[in-house]
C-alpha atoms as a PDB file:
ATOM      1  CA  MET A   1      39.725 -25.369  -6.324  1.00  0.00           C
ATOM      2  CA  ALA A   2      39.003 -23.501  -9.411  1.00  0.00           C
ATOM      3  CA  SER A   3      35.841 -24.898  -9.771  1.00  0.00           C
ATOM      4  CA  GLN A   4      34.384 -24.845  -6.658  1.00  0.00           C
ATOM      5  CA  PRO A   5      34.264 -21.039  -6.551  1.00  0.00           C
ATOM      6  CA  THR A   6      32.574 -21.203 -10.107  1.00  0.00           C
ATOM      7  CA  HIS A   7      29.613 -24.044  -8.618  1.00  0.00           C
ATOM      8  CA  ALA A   8      29.552 -21.332  -5.433  1.00  0.00           C
ATOM      9  CA  VAL A   9      28.686 -18.698  -7.483  1.00  0.00           C
ATOM     10  CA  SER A  10      26.274 -20.752  -9.795  1.00  0.00           C
ATOM     11  CA  ALA A  11      24.743 -21.385  -6.766  1.00  0.00           C
ATOM     12  CA  GLU A  12      24.475 -17.992  -5.238  1.00  0.00           C
ATOM     13  CA  GLN A  13      22.902 -17.135  -8.338  1.00  0.00           C
ATOM     14  CA  LEU A  14      20.505 -20.376  -8.577  1.00  0.00           C
ATOM     15  CA  MET A  15      19.150 -19.330  -5.050  1.00  0.00           C
ATOM     16  CA  LEU A  16      18.929 -15.862  -5.705  1.00  0.00           C
ATOM     17  CA  THR A  17      16.524 -16.259  -9.126  1.00  0.00           C
ATOM     18  CA  LYS A  18      14.470 -18.511  -6.579  1.00  0.00           C
ATOM     19  CA  MET A  19      13.917 -15.905  -4.130  1.00  0.00           C
ATOM     20  CA  GLU A  20      13.188 -13.216  -6.673  1.00  0.00           C
ATOM     21  CA  ALA A  21      10.980 -16.260  -8.022  1.00  0.00           C
ATOM     22  CA  MET A  22       9.582 -16.440  -4.751  1.00  0.00           C
ATOM     23  CA  ARG A  23       8.584 -12.607  -4.035  1.00  0.00           C
ATOM     24  CA  ALA A  24       6.957 -12.261  -7.338  1.00  0.00           C
ATOM     25  CA  GLN A  25       4.598 -14.852  -5.844  1.00  0.00           C
ATOM     26  CA  VAL A  26       4.320 -13.131  -2.601  1.00  0.00           C
ATOM     27  CA  GLN A  27       3.709  -9.905  -4.140  1.00  0.00           C
ATOM     28  CA  PRO A  28       0.790  -9.616  -6.768  1.00  0.00           C
ATOM     29  CA  PRO A  29       0.219  -6.501  -8.343  1.00  0.00           C
ATOM     30  CA  GLU A  30      -3.497  -6.410  -6.219  1.00  0.00           C
ATOM     31  CA  PHE A  31      -1.865  -5.030  -3.270  1.00  0.00           C
ATOM     32  CA  VAL A  32      -0.822  -1.596  -4.636  1.00  0.00           C
ATOM     33  CA  VAL A  33      -1.674   1.095  -2.352  1.00  0.00           C
ATOM     34  CA  SER A  34      -1.836   3.895  -5.051  1.00  0.00           C
ATOM     35  CA  ALA A  35      -3.786   3.938  -7.823  1.00  0.00           C
ATOM     36  CA  ASN A  36      -0.879   5.723 -10.083  1.00  0.00           C
ATOM     37  CA  PRO A  37       1.758   3.165 -10.069  1.00  0.00           C
ATOM     38  CA  LEU A  38       5.314   4.439  -8.481  1.00  0.00           C
ATOM     39  CA  ASP A  39       8.337   4.395 -11.419  1.00  0.00           C
ATOM     40  CA  GLN A  40      12.297   4.830 -10.403  1.00  0.00           C
ATOM     41  CA  GLN A  41      11.872   8.667 -10.866  1.00  0.00           C
ATOM     42  CA  MET A  42       9.294   9.584  -8.358  1.00  0.00           C
ATOM     43  CA  LEU A  43      11.229   7.305  -6.287  1.00  0.00           C
ATOM     44  CA  ASN A  44      13.877   9.101  -6.511  1.00  0.00           C
ATOM     45  CA  THR A  45      11.999  13.065  -6.438  1.00  0.00           C
ATOM     46  CA  PRO A  46      11.750  14.359  -2.517  1.00  0.00           C
ATOM     47  CA  LEU A  47       7.848  14.243  -1.510  1.00  0.00           C
ATOM     48  CA  SER A  48       6.328  17.173   0.520  1.00  0.00           C
ATOM     49  CA  PHE A  49       4.160  16.403   3.574  1.00  0.00           C
ATOM     50  CA  SER A  50       1.205  18.000   1.870  1.00  0.00           C
ATOM     51  CA  GLU A  51       1.539  15.963  -1.392  1.00  0.00           C
ATOM     52  CA  ALA A  52       1.654  12.484   0.831  1.00  0.00           C
ATOM     53  CA  MET A  53      -0.920  13.827   2.699  1.00  0.00           C
ATOM     54  CA  THR A  54      -2.837  14.163  -0.350  1.00  0.00           C
ATOM     55  CA  ASN A  55      -2.017  11.468  -2.155  1.00  0.00           C
ATOM     56  CA  VAL A  56      -2.925   9.115   0.816  1.00  0.00           C
ATOM     57  CA  LEU A  57      -6.526  11.246   1.182  1.00  0.00           C
ATOM     58  CA  ASN A  58      -7.115  10.287  -2.680  1.00  0.00           C
ATOM     59  CA  THR A  59      -6.097   6.804  -1.842  1.00  0.00           C
ATOM     60  CA  VAL A  60      -8.917   6.733   0.956  1.00  0.00           C
ATOM     61  CA  ASN A  61     -11.467   8.314  -0.925  1.00  0.00           C
ATOM     62  CA  GLN A  62     -10.465   5.723  -3.910  1.00  0.00           C
ATOM     63  CA  HIS A  63     -11.073   3.054  -1.297  1.00  0.00           C
ATOM     64  CA  GLN A  64     -14.574   4.181  -0.029  1.00  0.00           C
ATOM     65  CA  SER A  65     -15.532   4.766  -3.522  1.00  0.00           C
ATOM     66  CA  LEU A  66     -14.861   1.286  -5.012  1.00  0.00           C
ATOM     67  CA  ALA A  67     -16.479  -0.468  -1.818  1.00  0.00           C
ATOM     68  CA  SER A  68     -19.306   2.088  -1.945  1.00  0.00           C
ATOM     69  CA  GLN A  69     -19.687   1.279  -5.908  1.00  0.00           C
ATOM     70  CA  LYS A  70     -19.022  -2.692  -5.097  1.00  0.00           C
ATOM     71  CA  MET A  71     -22.235  -2.433  -2.000  1.00  0.00           C
ATOM     72  CA  THR A  72     -24.522  -1.197  -4.039  1.00  0.00           C
ATOM     73  CA  ALA A  73     -24.042  -2.992  -7.299  1.00  0.00           C
ATOM     74  CA  VAL A  74     -24.784  -5.968  -4.851  1.00  0.00           C
ATOM     75  CA  GLU A  75     -27.386  -4.427  -2.668  1.00  0.00           C
ATOM     76  CA  THR A  76     -29.519  -3.624  -6.347  1.00  0.00           C
ATOM     77  CA  GLY A  77     -28.606  -7.017  -7.743  1.00  0.00           C
ATOM     78  CA  LYS A  78     -26.010  -5.978 -10.682  1.00  0.00           C
ATOM     79  CA  SER A  79     -23.378  -8.246  -8.890  1.00  0.00           C
ATOM     80  CA  ASP A  80     -23.318 -11.155  -6.424  1.00  0.00           C
ATOM     81  CA  ASP A  81     -19.549 -10.738  -5.701  1.00  0.00           C
ATOM     82  CA  LEU A  82     -20.758 -10.580  -1.626  1.00  0.00           C
ATOM     83  CA  VAL A  83     -17.195 -11.672  -1.099  1.00  0.00           C
ATOM     84  CA  GLY A  84     -15.729  -8.765  -3.116  1.00  0.00           C
ATOM     85  CA  ALA A  85     -17.669  -6.581  -1.808  1.00  0.00           C
ATOM     86  CA  MET A  86     -16.890  -7.261   1.801  1.00  0.00           C
ATOM     87  CA  VAL A  87     -13.077  -7.487   1.395  1.00  0.00           C
ATOM     88  CA  ALA A  88     -13.314  -3.930  -0.274  1.00  0.00           C
ATOM     89  CA  SER A  89     -15.639  -2.773   2.340  1.00  0.00           C
ATOM     90  CA  GLN A  90     -12.764  -4.013   4.860  1.00  0.00           C
ATOM     91  CA  LYS A  91     -10.021  -2.549   2.972  1.00  0.00           C
ATOM     92  CA  ALA A  92     -11.925   0.890   2.880  1.00  0.00           C
ATOM     93  CA  SER A  93     -12.545   0.860   6.422  1.00  0.00           C
ATOM     94  CA  LEU A  94      -9.000  -0.157   7.785  1.00  0.00           C
ATOM     95  CA  SER A  95      -7.449   2.724   5.150  1.00  0.00           C
ATOM     96  CA  PHE A  96      -9.844   4.756   6.709  1.00  0.00           C
ATOM     97  CA  ASN A  97      -8.931   3.479  10.916  1.00  0.00           C
ATOM     98  CA  ALA A  98      -5.531   3.751   9.825  1.00  0.00           C
ATOM     99  CA  LEU A  99      -5.666   8.147   8.327  1.00  0.00           C
ATOM    100  CA  MET A 100      -7.678   8.891  11.623  1.00  0.00           C
ATOM    101  CA  GLN A 101      -4.700   7.318  13.775  1.00  0.00           C
ATOM    102  CA  VAL A 102      -2.077   9.657  11.622  1.00  0.00           C
ATOM    103  CA  ARG A 103      -4.095  12.233  11.921  1.00  0.00           C
ATOM    104  CA  ASN A 104      -4.544  11.520  16.088  1.00  0.00           C
ATOM    105  CA  LYS A 105      -0.794  11.462  15.853  1.00  0.00           C
ATOM    106  CA  VAL A 106      -0.735  14.354  14.002  1.00  0.00           C
ATOM    107  CA  VAL A 107      -2.385  16.866  15.814  1.00  0.00           C
ATOM    108  CA  GLY A 108      -1.179  15.009  18.985  1.00  0.00           C
ATOM    109  CA  SER A 109       2.406  16.573  17.917  1.00  0.00           C
ATOM    110  CA  PHE A 110       1.236  19.788  17.013  1.00  0.00           C
ATOM    111  CA  ASP A 111      -0.211  20.250  20.350  1.00  0.00           C
ATOM    112  CA  ASP A 112       3.004  18.777  22.087  1.00  0.00           C
ATOM    113  CA  ILE A 113       5.032  21.572  20.505  1.00  0.00           C
ATOM    114  CA  MET A 114       2.369  24.292  21.116  1.00  0.00           C
ATOM    115  CA  LYS A 115       2.761  23.553  24.968  1.00  0.00           C
ATOM    116  CA  MET A 116       6.306  23.834  24.553  1.00  0.00           C
ATOM    117  CA  PRO A 117       8.008  26.815  26.827  1.00  0.00           C
ATOM    118  CA  VAL A 118       9.838  29.435  24.070  1.00  0.00           C
END
């Protein structure tokens, strides 16, 4: 019976190793939201609301700038990557729409707070 727990541990380790490999394949590095890589030290530091919003605004601005550059390159004939330009354009559009939804929620919440009786 002593060999059975050892076999179970090695099977668990093998399964964990396979799961880690699969996770690495599913999460390619191109899906990083921010241009600044997050390290462990940044994850442990508290982030204020204004810093978070500034980071989000900068990221949305980067997406829109990249999309604009790619579209301009395609329109002027400097690039033939139409698919990449369209993907960048859609990414910029989605990030801007998400930002607008967050803004609308924040404004709506602020209005609700202002309407509360004191």
